[in-house]
Amino acid sequence: MAATFFGEVVKAPCRAGTEDQEEEEDERRETAEDREVRRQLARKREVRLFRRQTKTSLEVSLLEKYPCSKFIIAIGNNAVAFLSSFVMNSGVWEEVGCAKLWNEWCRTTDTVHLSPTDAFCVFYHLKSNPSVFGSCPRKNMQVTVLTCRHVTDYKTAESTSSLHSPFLKALKTENFKEPPCCSLLEQPNIVHDLPAAVLSYCQVWKIPAILYLCYTDVMKLDLITVGAFKPVLSSRSLKGLVKNIPQSTEILKKLMTTNEIQSNIYT
């Protein structure tokens, strides 16, 4: 296995032929029943887009009709809570779709009644300007990604105990020309999983993109960790979308209260 610049893990060719030989032997030993099970699992792993209100499927061709100018991705409970409270609190946003997925590690059970912090992937657009997402790369599109990692993943010469978490770091593609709202992520730190895949895609297609990565010692929904994203509100991509910060704080507190009640095993 190997990693791209942004940390996306990809398969690397191996000079030793033992692995390939073992795979070929496994394929020869595979029965028709094994192939059918594999085919059924592959079908279950397909990502499906649909409307939660009507449970009707969304065709990819429908998504392609939406040109994309600003694409904001929040990954994880704290990033989603920040976006829900400070950006999408104005009431001018409309849900246009939701992603349903299944695999051995992540299984969607109830996709109709999901809270903002529990949904796997929900798409919204501005009612006044519905051009929010699309499946084809656009030259005028700008991507912003928000996510968290545990502070122990941060690599530095200093002791992690001396770090004042949570703190924010940024990683951007070559075509992103705006000044970031925090210091850049230093080497040898890398990002992982979906944020890495998004940045790698944007780098290849020359799409301006920036990742704001919050390092925290609390991975569950946390008021202080959510607040660490506040410097991003001054960025050009989010500045015009923020309407009422005092109201946002109240919405965040209500969201925290709701999550605490749902997390209580004795209720």
C-alpha atoms as a PDB file:
ATOM      1  CA  MET A   1       0.000   0.000   0.000  1.00  0.00           C
ATOM      2  CA  ALA A   2       1.123   3.592  -0.586  1.00  0.00           C
ATOM      3  CA  ALA A   3      -0.178   7.054   0.283  1.00  0.00           C
ATOM      4  CA  THR A   4      -0.672  10.119  -1.916  1.00  0.00           C
ATOM      5  CA  PHE A   5       0.451  13.583  -0.810  1.00  0.00           C
ATOM      6  CA  PHE A   6      -2.836  14.149   0.999  1.00  0.00           C
ATOM      7  CA  GLY A   7      -2.774  10.732   2.666  1.00  0.00           C
ATOM      8  CA  GLU A   8      -5.215   8.841   0.472  1.00  0.00           C
ATOM      9  CA  VAL A   9      -4.204   5.177   0.635  1.00  0.00           C
ATOM     10  CA  VAL A  10      -3.859   3.426  -2.715  1.00  0.00           C
ATOM     11  CA  LYS A  11      -2.551   0.059  -3.856  1.00  0.00           C
ATOM     12  CA  ALA A  12       1.049   0.020  -5.016  1.00  0.00           C
ATOM     13  CA  PRO A  13       2.464  -2.614  -7.381  1.00  0.00           C
ATOM     14  CA  CYS A  14       4.522  -5.293  -5.676  1.00  0.00           C
ATOM     15  CA  ARG A  15       7.598  -6.811  -7.336  1.00  0.00           C
ATOM     16  CA  ALA A  16       7.274 -10.032  -5.391  1.00  0.00           C
ATOM     17  CA  GLY A  17       4.865 -12.319  -7.188  1.00  0.00           C
ATOM     18  CA  THR A  18       3.700 -14.201  -4.133  1.00  0.00           C
ATOM     19  CA  GLU A  19       0.671 -12.002  -3.448  1.00  0.00           C
ATOM     20  CA  ASP A  20      -0.554 -12.175  -7.040  1.00  0.00           C
ATOM     21  CA  GLN A  21      -0.052 -15.936  -7.091  1.00  0.00           C
ATOM     22  CA  GLU A  22      -2.032 -16.335  -3.870  1.00  0.00           C
ATOM     23  CA  GLU A  23      -4.897 -14.227  -5.282  1.00  0.00           C
ATOM     24  CA  GLU A  24      -4.974 -16.331  -8.458  1.00  0.00           C
ATOM     25  CA  GLU A  25      -5.087 -19.523  -6.412  1.00  0.00           C
ATOM     26  CA  ASP A  26      -7.945 -18.115  -4.291  1.00  0.00           C
ATOM     27  CA  GLU A  27      -9.882 -17.228  -7.459  1.00  0.00           C
ATOM     28  CA  ARG A  28      -9.437 -20.762  -8.796  1.00  0.00           C
ATOM     29  CA  ARG A  29     -10.710 -22.219  -5.525  1.00  0.00           C
ATOM     30  CA  GLU A  30     -13.740 -19.868  -5.497  1.00  0.00           C
ATOM     31  CA  THR A  31     -17.011 -21.657  -6.163  1.00  0.00           C
ATOM     32  CA  ALA A  32     -20.138 -20.374  -7.895  1.00  0.00           C
ATOM     33  CA  GLU A  33     -21.747 -19.903  -4.478  1.00  0.00           C
ATOM     34  CA  ASP A  34     -18.789 -17.770  -3.339  1.00  0.00           C
ATOM     35  CA  ARG A  35     -19.098 -15.588  -6.439  1.00  0.00           C
ATOM     36  CA  GLU A  36     -22.824 -15.121  -5.824  1.00  0.00           C
ATOM     37  CA  VAL A  37     -22.209 -14.051  -2.208  1.00  0.00           C
ATOM     38  CA  ARG A  38     -19.533 -11.614  -3.401  1.00  0.00           C
ATOM     39  CA  ARG A  39     -21.909 -10.206  -6.022  1.00  0.00           C
ATOM     40  CA  GLN A  40     -24.700  -9.718  -3.473  1.00  0.00           C
ATOM     41  CA  LEU A  41     -22.338  -7.939  -1.074  1.00  0.00           C
ATOM     42  CA  ALA A  42     -21.116  -5.664  -3.872  1.00  0.00           C
ATOM     43  CA  ARG A  43     -24.717  -4.736  -4.649  1.00  0.00           C
ATOM     44  CA  LYS A  44     -25.438  -3.970  -0.978  1.00  0.00           C
ATOM     45  CA  ARG A  45     -22.359  -1.727  -0.783  1.00  0.00           C
ATOM     46  CA  GLU A  46     -23.677   0.593  -3.512  1.00  0.00           C
ATOM     47  CA  VAL A  47     -24.288   4.162  -2.354  1.00  0.00           C
ATOM     48  CA  ARG A  48     -27.858   5.263  -3.073  1.00  0.00           C
ATOM     49  CA  LEU A  49     -29.176   8.810  -3.151  1.00  0.00           C
ATOM     50  CA  PHE A  50     -32.777   9.515  -2.231  1.00  0.00           C
ATOM     51  CA  ARG A  51     -35.115  12.060  -0.668  1.00  0.00           C
ATOM     52  CA  ARG A  52     -35.713  11.334   3.007  1.00  0.00           C
ATOM     53  CA  GLN A  53     -39.170  12.927   2.974  1.00  0.00           C
ATOM     54  CA  THR A  54     -40.554  10.839   0.110  1.00  0.00           C
ATOM     55  CA  LYS A  55     -38.012   7.943   0.118  1.00  0.00           C
ATOM     56  CA  THR A  56     -37.794   8.294  -3.686  1.00  0.00           C
ATOM     57  CA  SER A  57     -34.463   7.596  -5.366  1.00  0.00           C
ATOM     58  CA  LEU A  58     -32.450  10.398  -6.954  1.00  0.00           C
ATOM     59  CA  GLU A  59     -30.928   9.696 -10.346  1.00  0.00           C
ATOM     60  CA  VAL A  60     -27.353  10.804 -10.976  1.00  0.00           C
ATOM     61  CA  SER A  61     -28.533  12.681 -14.067  1.00  0.00           C
ATOM     62  CA  LEU A  62     -30.587  14.928 -11.762  1.00  0.00           C
ATOM     63  CA  LEU A  63     -27.504  15.852  -9.740  1.00  0.00           C
ATOM     64  CA  GLU A  64     -25.610  16.715 -12.900  1.00  0.00           C
ATOM     65  CA  LYS A  65     -28.139  19.463 -13.629  1.00  0.00           C
ATOM     66  CA  TYR A  66     -26.867  21.468 -10.640  1.00  0.00           C
ATOM     67  CA  PRO A  67     -23.772  23.577 -11.426  1.00  0.00           C
ATOM     68  CA  CYS A  68     -21.559  23.910  -8.368  1.00  0.00           C
ATOM     69  CA  SER A  69     -20.055  27.163  -7.099  1.00  0.00           C
ATOM     70  CA  LYS A  70     -19.452  26.467  -3.405  1.00  0.00           C
ATOM     71  CA  PHE A  71     -19.295  22.941  -2.025  1.00  0.00           C
ATOM     72  CA  ILE A  72     -18.982  22.701   1.774  1.00  0.00           C
ATOM     73  CA  ILE A  73     -18.371  19.276   3.318  1.00  0.00           C
ATOM     74  CA  ALA A  74     -18.615  18.627   7.061  1.00  0.00           C
ATOM     75  CA  ILE A  75     -17.319  15.253   8.288  1.00  0.00           C
ATOM     76  CA  GLY A  76     -17.876  14.099  11.854  1.00  0.00           C
ATOM     77  CA  ASN A  77     -20.193  15.137  14.688  1.00  0.00           C
ATOM     78  CA  ASN A  78     -18.406  18.361  15.663  1.00  0.00           C
ATOM     79  CA  ALA A  79     -17.961  19.649  12.095  1.00  0.00           C
ATOM     80  CA  VAL A  80     -21.602  18.875  11.262  1.00  0.00           C
ATOM     81  CA  ALA A  81     -22.789  20.598  14.447  1.00  0.00           C
ATOM     82  CA  PHE A  82     -20.718  23.687  13.581  1.00  0.00           C
ATOM     83  CA  LEU A  83     -22.109  23.884  10.048  1.00  0.00           C
ATOM     84  CA  SER A  84     -25.677  23.247  11.225  1.00  0.00           C
ATOM     85  CA  SER A  85     -25.500  25.927  13.931  1.00  0.00           C
ATOM     86  CA  PHE A  86     -23.485  28.732  12.353  1.00  0.00           C
ATOM     87  CA  VAL A  87     -24.097  28.435   8.605  1.00  0.00           C
ATOM     88  CA  MET A  88     -27.400  26.660   8.090  1.00  0.00           C
ATOM     89  CA  ASN A  89     -29.359  28.396  10.835  1.00  0.00           C
ATOM     90  CA  SER A  90     -30.929  31.054   8.630  1.00  0.00           C
ATOM     91  CA  GLY A  91     -33.786  28.871   7.393  1.00  0.00           C
ATOM     92  CA  VAL A  92     -32.962  29.546   3.727  1.00  0.00           C
ATOM     93  CA  TRP A  93     -31.500  26.062   3.229  1.00  0.00           C
ATOM     94  CA  GLU A  94     -33.445  23.153   1.782  1.00  0.00           C
ATOM     95  CA  GLU A  95     -32.593  19.466   1.892  1.00  0.00           C
ATOM     96  CA  VAL A  96     -32.384  18.012  -1.607  1.00  0.00           C
ATOM     97  CA  GLY A  97     -31.105  14.511  -0.952  1.00  0.00           C
ATOM     98  CA  CYS A  98     -29.524  11.986   1.376  1.00  0.00           C
ATOM     99  CA  ALA A  99     -26.995   9.201   0.866  1.00  0.00           C
ATOM    100  CA  LYS A 100     -27.773   5.675   2.031  1.00  0.00           C
ATOM    101  CA  LEU A 101     -24.937   3.195   2.342  1.00  0.00           C
ATOM    102  CA  TRP A 102     -24.104  -0.174   3.819  1.00  0.00           C
ATOM    103  CA  ASN A 103     -20.892  -2.063   4.443  1.00  0.00           C
ATOM    104  CA  GLU A 104     -19.384  -4.257   7.119  1.00  0.00           C
ATOM    105  CA  TRP A 105     -18.306  -1.251   9.212  1.00  0.00           C
ATOM    106  CA  CYS A 106     -21.115   1.249   8.622  1.00  0.00           C
ATOM    107  CA  ARG A 107     -24.750   0.229   8.306  1.00  0.00           C
ATOM    108  CA  THR A 108     -27.676   2.563   7.745  1.00  0.00           C
ATOM    109  CA  THR A 109     -30.672   1.486   9.796  1.00  0.00           C
ATOM    110  CA  ASP A 110     -33.149   4.379   9.919  1.00  0.00           C
ATOM    111  CA  THR A 111     -32.424   6.811   7.087  1.00  0.00           C
ATOM    112  CA  VAL A 112     -35.724   8.660   7.397  1.00  0.00           C
ATOM    113  CA  HIS A 113     -35.485   9.995  10.958  1.00  0.00           C
ATOM    114  CA  LEU A 114     -31.819  11.015  11.234  1.00  0.00           C
ATOM    115  CA  SER A 115     -30.591  13.958  13.337  1.00  0.00           C
ATOM    116  CA  PRO A 116     -28.116  16.389  11.655  1.00  0.00           C
ATOM    117  CA  THR A 117     -25.211  14.803  13.542  1.00  0.00           C
ATOM    118  CA  ASP A 118     -26.238  11.190  12.801  1.00  0.00           C
ATOM    119  CA  ALA A 119     -26.904  11.362   9.047  1.00  0.00           C
ATOM    120  CA  PHE A 120     -24.307   9.701   6.840  1.00  0.00           C
ATOM    121  CA  CYS A 121     -24.544  12.296   4.078  1.00  0.00           C
ATOM    122  CA  VAL A 122     -27.252  14.908   3.538  1.00  0.00           C
ATOM    123  CA  PHE A 123     -27.247  17.408   0.658  1.00  0.00           C
ATOM    124  CA  TYR A 124     -28.649  20.928   1.124  1.00  0.00           C
ATOM    125  CA  HIS A 125     -28.843  23.942  -1.139  1.00  0.00           C
ATOM    126  CA  LEU A 126     -29.650  27.608  -0.729  1.00  0.00           C
ATOM    127  CA  LYS A 127     -33.226  28.350  -1.768  1.00  0.00           C
ATOM    128  CA  SER A 128     -32.107  31.672  -3.220  1.00  0.00           C
ATOM    129  CA  ASN A 129     -29.181  30.088  -5.088  1.00  0.00           C
ATOM    130  CA  PRO A 130     -29.658  26.330  -5.608  1.00  0.00           C
ATOM    131  CA  SER A 131     -26.286  25.822  -7.318  1.00  0.00           C
ATOM    132  CA  VAL A 132     -24.580  23.978  -4.487  1.00  0.00           C
ATOM    133  CA  PHE A 133     -23.322  20.639  -5.737  1.00  0.00           C
ATOM    134  CA  GLY A 134     -22.621  18.643  -8.876  1.00  0.00           C
ATOM    135  CA  SER A 135     -20.849  15.524 -10.022  1.00  0.00           C
ATOM    136  CA  CYS A 136     -18.671  17.115 -12.726  1.00  0.00           C
ATOM    137  CA  PRO A 137     -15.609  19.266 -11.928  1.00  0.00           C
ATOM    138  CA  ARG A 138     -16.140  22.974 -12.532  1.00  0.00           C
ATOM    139  CA  LYS A 139     -13.485  25.659 -12.892  1.00  0.00           C
ATOM    140  CA  ASN A 140     -15.453  28.142 -10.781  1.00  0.00           C
ATOM    141  CA  MET A 141     -16.142  25.706  -7.949  1.00  0.00           C
ATOM    142  CA  GLN A 142     -14.572  26.062  -4.510  1.00  0.00           C
ATOM    143  CA  VAL A 143     -14.533  23.232  -1.982  1.00  0.00           C
ATOM    144  CA  THR A 144     -14.295  23.611   1.805  1.00  0.00           C
ATOM    145  CA  VAL A 145     -13.893  20.546   4.030  1.00  0.00           C
ATOM    146  CA  LEU A 146     -14.305  20.545   7.824  1.00  0.00           C
ATOM    147  CA  THR A 147     -13.338  17.595  10.011  1.00  0.00           C
ATOM    148  CA  CYS A 148     -11.641  16.519  13.264  1.00  0.00           C
ATOM    149  CA  ARG A 149      -8.815  14.219  14.301  1.00  0.00           C
ATOM    150  CA  HIS A 150      -7.627  13.220  17.751  1.00  0.00           C
ATOM    151  CA  VAL A 151      -4.755  15.343  19.026  1.00  0.00           C
ATOM    152  CA  THR A 152      -2.577  12.232  19.453  1.00  0.00           C
ATOM    153  CA  ASP A 153      -2.515  11.976  15.626  1.00  0.00           C
ATOM    154  CA  TYR A 154      -0.738  15.332  15.406  1.00  0.00           C
ATOM    155  CA  LYS A 155       2.988  14.877  14.833  1.00  0.00           C
ATOM    156  CA  THR A 156       5.278  17.473  16.399  1.00  0.00           C
ATOM    157  CA  ALA A 157       8.665  17.675  18.092  1.00  0.00           C
ATOM    158  CA  GLU A 158       6.902  19.003  21.207  1.00  0.00           C
ATOM    159  CA  SER A 159       5.117  16.866  23.728  1.00  0.00           C
ATOM    160  CA  THR A 160       1.423  16.469  22.948  1.00  0.00           C
ATOM    161  CA  SER A 161       0.685  17.281  26.590  1.00  0.00           C
ATOM    162  CA  SER A 162       1.940  20.823  25.962  1.00  0.00           C
ATOM    163  CA  LEU A 163      -0.507  21.373  23.091  1.00  0.00           C
ATOM    164  CA  HIS A 164      -3.575  23.467  23.857  1.00  0.00           C
ATOM    165  CA  SER A 165      -6.334  21.503  22.161  1.00  0.00           C
ATOM    166  CA  PRO A 166      -8.543  21.931  20.323  1.00  0.00           C
ATOM    167  CA  PHE A 167      -6.612  23.786  17.614  1.00  0.00           C
ATOM    168  CA  LEU A 168      -7.134  24.281  13.894  1.00  0.00           C
ATOM    169  CA  LYS A 169      -4.828  23.497  10.962  1.00  0.00           C
ATOM    170  CA  ALA A 170      -5.378  23.961   7.227  1.00  0.00           C
ATOM    171  CA  LEU A 171      -4.324  22.029   4.129  1.00  0.00           C
ATOM    172  CA  LYS A 172      -5.086  23.394   0.659  1.00  0.00           C
ATOM    173  CA  THR A 173      -4.693  22.511  -2.981  1.00  0.00           C
ATOM    174  CA  GLU A 174      -2.366  24.377  -5.307  1.00  0.00           C
ATOM    175  CA  ASN A 175      -5.224  26.311  -6.941  1.00  0.00           C
ATOM    176  CA  PHE A 176      -6.644  27.642  -3.665  1.00  0.00           C
ATOM    177  CA  LYS A 177      -5.355  31.232  -3.584  1.00  0.00           C
ATOM    178  CA  GLU A 178      -7.199  32.737  -0.595  1.00  0.00           C
ATOM    179  CA  PRO A 179      -5.326  33.114   2.699  1.00  0.00           C
ATOM    180  CA  PRO A 180      -6.346  30.347   5.141  1.00  0.00           C
ATOM    181  CA  CYS A 181      -7.963  31.219   8.469  1.00  0.00           C
ATOM    182  CA  CYS A 182      -5.273  29.402  10.467  1.00  0.00           C
ATOM    183  CA  SER A 183      -1.731  28.089  10.102  1.00  0.00           C
ATOM    184  CA  LEU A 184      -1.038  25.364   7.545  1.00  0.00           C
ATOM    185  CA  LEU A 185      -0.567  21.728   8.514  1.00  0.00           C
ATOM    186  CA  GLU A 186       3.126  20.982   8.874  1.00  0.00           C
ATOM    187  CA  GLN A 187       4.983  17.955   7.556  1.00  0.00           C
ATOM    188  CA  PRO A 188       5.147  15.052   8.261  1.00  0.00           C
ATOM    189  CA  ASN A 189       1.438  15.280   9.189  1.00  0.00           C
ATOM    190  CA  ILE A 190      -1.032  13.897   6.639  1.00  0.00           C
ATOM    191  CA  VAL A 191      -4.802  13.639   6.452  1.00  0.00           C
ATOM    192  CA  HIS A 192      -6.782  10.436   6.081  1.00  0.00           C
ATOM    193  CA  ASP A 193      -9.889   8.835   4.595  1.00  0.00           C
ATOM    194  CA  LEU A 194     -12.575  10.986   2.907  1.00  0.00           C
ATOM    195  CA  PRO A 195     -10.853  14.403   3.449  1.00  0.00           C
ATOM    196  CA  ALA A 196      -7.707  13.010   1.804  1.00  0.00           C
ATOM    197  CA  ALA A 197      -9.718  11.620  -1.117  1.00  0.00           C
ATOM    198  CA  VAL A 198     -11.538  14.941  -1.647  1.00  0.00           C
ATOM    199  CA  LEU A 199      -8.322  16.995  -1.621  1.00  0.00           C
ATOM    200  CA  SER A 200      -6.567  14.550  -3.930  1.00  0.00           C
ATOM    201  CA  TYR A 201      -9.488  14.709  -6.390  1.00  0.00           C
ATOM    202  CA  CYS A 202      -9.498  18.522  -6.286  1.00  0.00           C
ATOM    203  CA  GLN A 203      -5.730  18.680  -6.755  1.00  0.00           C
ATOM    204  CA  VAL A 204      -5.909  16.472  -9.856  1.00  0.00           C
ATOM    205  CA  TRP A 205      -8.826  18.434 -11.381  1.00  0.00           C
ATOM    206  CA  LYS A 206      -7.303  21.808 -10.369  1.00  0.00           C
ATOM    207  CA  ILE A 207     -10.306  22.709  -8.187  1.00  0.00           C
ATOM    208  CA  PRO A 208      -9.610  25.240  -5.402  1.00  0.00           C
ATOM    209  CA  ALA A 209     -10.099  23.361  -2.132  1.00  0.00           C
ATOM    210  CA  ILE A 210      -9.134  23.768   1.497  1.00  0.00           C
ATOM    211  CA  LEU A 211      -9.396  21.448   4.477  1.00  0.00           C
ATOM    212  CA  TYR A 212      -9.792  22.807   7.998  1.00  0.00           C
ATOM    213  CA  LEU A 213      -8.688  20.095  10.385  1.00  0.00           C
ATOM    214  CA  CYS A 214      -9.456  20.446  14.086  1.00  0.00           C
ATOM    215  CA  TYR A 215      -7.213  18.492  16.438  1.00  0.00           C
ATOM    216  CA  THR A 216      -9.038  17.735  19.676  1.00  0.00           C
ATOM    217  CA  ASP A 217      -8.883  15.406  22.651  1.00  0.00           C
ATOM    218  CA  VAL A 218     -12.683  14.954  22.641  1.00  0.00           C
ATOM    219  CA  MET A 219     -14.043  13.124  19.592  1.00  0.00           C
ATOM    220  CA  LYS A 220     -17.685  13.067  20.723  1.00  0.00           C
ATOM    221  CA  LEU A 221     -19.914  16.106  20.227  1.00  0.00           C
ATOM    222  CA  ASP A 222     -18.228  18.820  22.286  1.00  0.00           C
ATOM    223  CA  LEU A 223     -19.028  22.536  22.660  1.00  0.00           C
ATOM    224  CA  ILE A 224     -15.381  23.647  22.864  1.00  0.00           C
ATOM    225  CA  THR A 225     -14.364  21.563  19.848  1.00  0.00           C
ATOM    226  CA  VAL A 226     -17.231  22.973  17.768  1.00  0.00           C
ATOM    227  CA  GLY A 227     -16.143  26.485  18.786  1.00  0.00           C
ATOM    228  CA  ALA A 228     -12.631  25.824  17.461  1.00  0.00           C
ATOM    229  CA  PHE A 229     -14.050  26.078  13.913  1.00  0.00           C
ATOM    230  CA  LYS A 230     -15.225  29.689  14.451  1.00  0.00           C
ATOM    231  CA  PRO A 231     -12.209  31.301  12.673  1.00  0.00           C
ATOM    232  CA  VAL A 232     -13.495  29.657   9.467  1.00  0.00           C
ATOM    233  CA  LEU A 233     -16.542  31.973   9.600  1.00  0.00           C
ATOM    234  CA  SER A 234     -14.311  34.826   8.417  1.00  0.00           C
ATOM    235  CA  SER A 235     -13.304  32.960   5.232  1.00  0.00           C
ATOM    236  CA  ARG A 236     -14.644  34.217   1.916  1.00  0.00           C
ATOM    237  CA  SER A 237     -16.452  30.956   1.211  1.00  0.00           C
ATOM    238  CA  LEU A 238     -18.493  31.110   4.439  1.00  0.00           C
ATOM    239  CA  LYS A 239     -18.574  34.823   5.247  1.00  0.00           C
ATOM    240  CA  GLY A 240     -21.615  35.584   3.085  1.00  0.00           C
ATOM    241  CA  LEU A 241     -23.551  32.613   4.469  1.00  0.00           C
ATOM    242  CA  VAL A 242     -23.316  33.489   8.174  1.00  0.00           C
ATOM    243  CA  LYS A 243     -26.342  35.489   9.321  1.00  0.00           C
ATOM    244  CA  ASN A 244     -26.883  35.492  13.088  1.00  0.00           C
ATOM    245  CA  ILE A 245     -24.050  34.329  15.364  1.00  0.00           C
ATOM    246  CA  PRO A 246     -25.901  34.886  18.718  1.00  0.00           C
ATOM    247  CA  GLN A 247     -28.778  32.765  17.395  1.00  0.00           C
ATOM    248  CA  SER A 248     -26.221  30.204  16.222  1.00  0.00           C
ATOM    249  CA  THR A 249     -24.866  29.839  19.750  1.00  0.00           C
ATOM    250  CA  GLU A 250     -28.346  29.103  21.083  1.00  0.00           C
ATOM    251  CA  ILE A 251     -28.976  26.524  18.337  1.00  0.00           C
ATOM    252  CA  LEU A 252     -25.675  24.843  19.185  1.00  0.00           C
ATOM    253  CA  LYS A 253     -26.580  24.656  22.881  1.00  0.00           C
ATOM    254  CA  LYS A 254     -29.930  23.046  22.027  1.00  0.00           C
ATOM    255  CA  LEU A 255     -28.159  20.566  19.757  1.00  0.00           C
ATOM    256  CA  MET A 256     -25.746  19.695  22.555  1.00  0.00           C
ATOM    257  CA  THR A 257     -28.625  19.200  25.005  1.00  0.00           C
ATOM    258  CA  THR A 258     -30.474  16.939  22.565  1.00  0.00           C
ATOM    259  CA  ASN A 259     -27.342  14.859  21.983  1.00  0.00           C
ATOM    260  CA  GLU A 260     -26.698  14.487  25.733  1.00  0.00           C
ATOM    261  CA  ILE A 261     -30.247  13.229  26.252  1.00  0.00           C
ATOM    262  CA  GLN A 262     -29.935  10.719  23.382  1.00  0.00           C
ATOM    263  CA  SER A 263     -26.566   9.524  24.712  1.00  0.00           C
ATOM    264  CA  ASN A 264     -27.903   8.764  28.183  1.00  0.00           C
ATOM    265  CA  ILE A 265     -28.322   4.985  28.423  1.00  0.00           C
ATOM    266  CA  TYR A 266     -30.588   5.373  31.456  1.00  0.00           C
ATOM    267  CA  THR A 267     -33.308   7.364  29.612  1.00  0.00           C
END
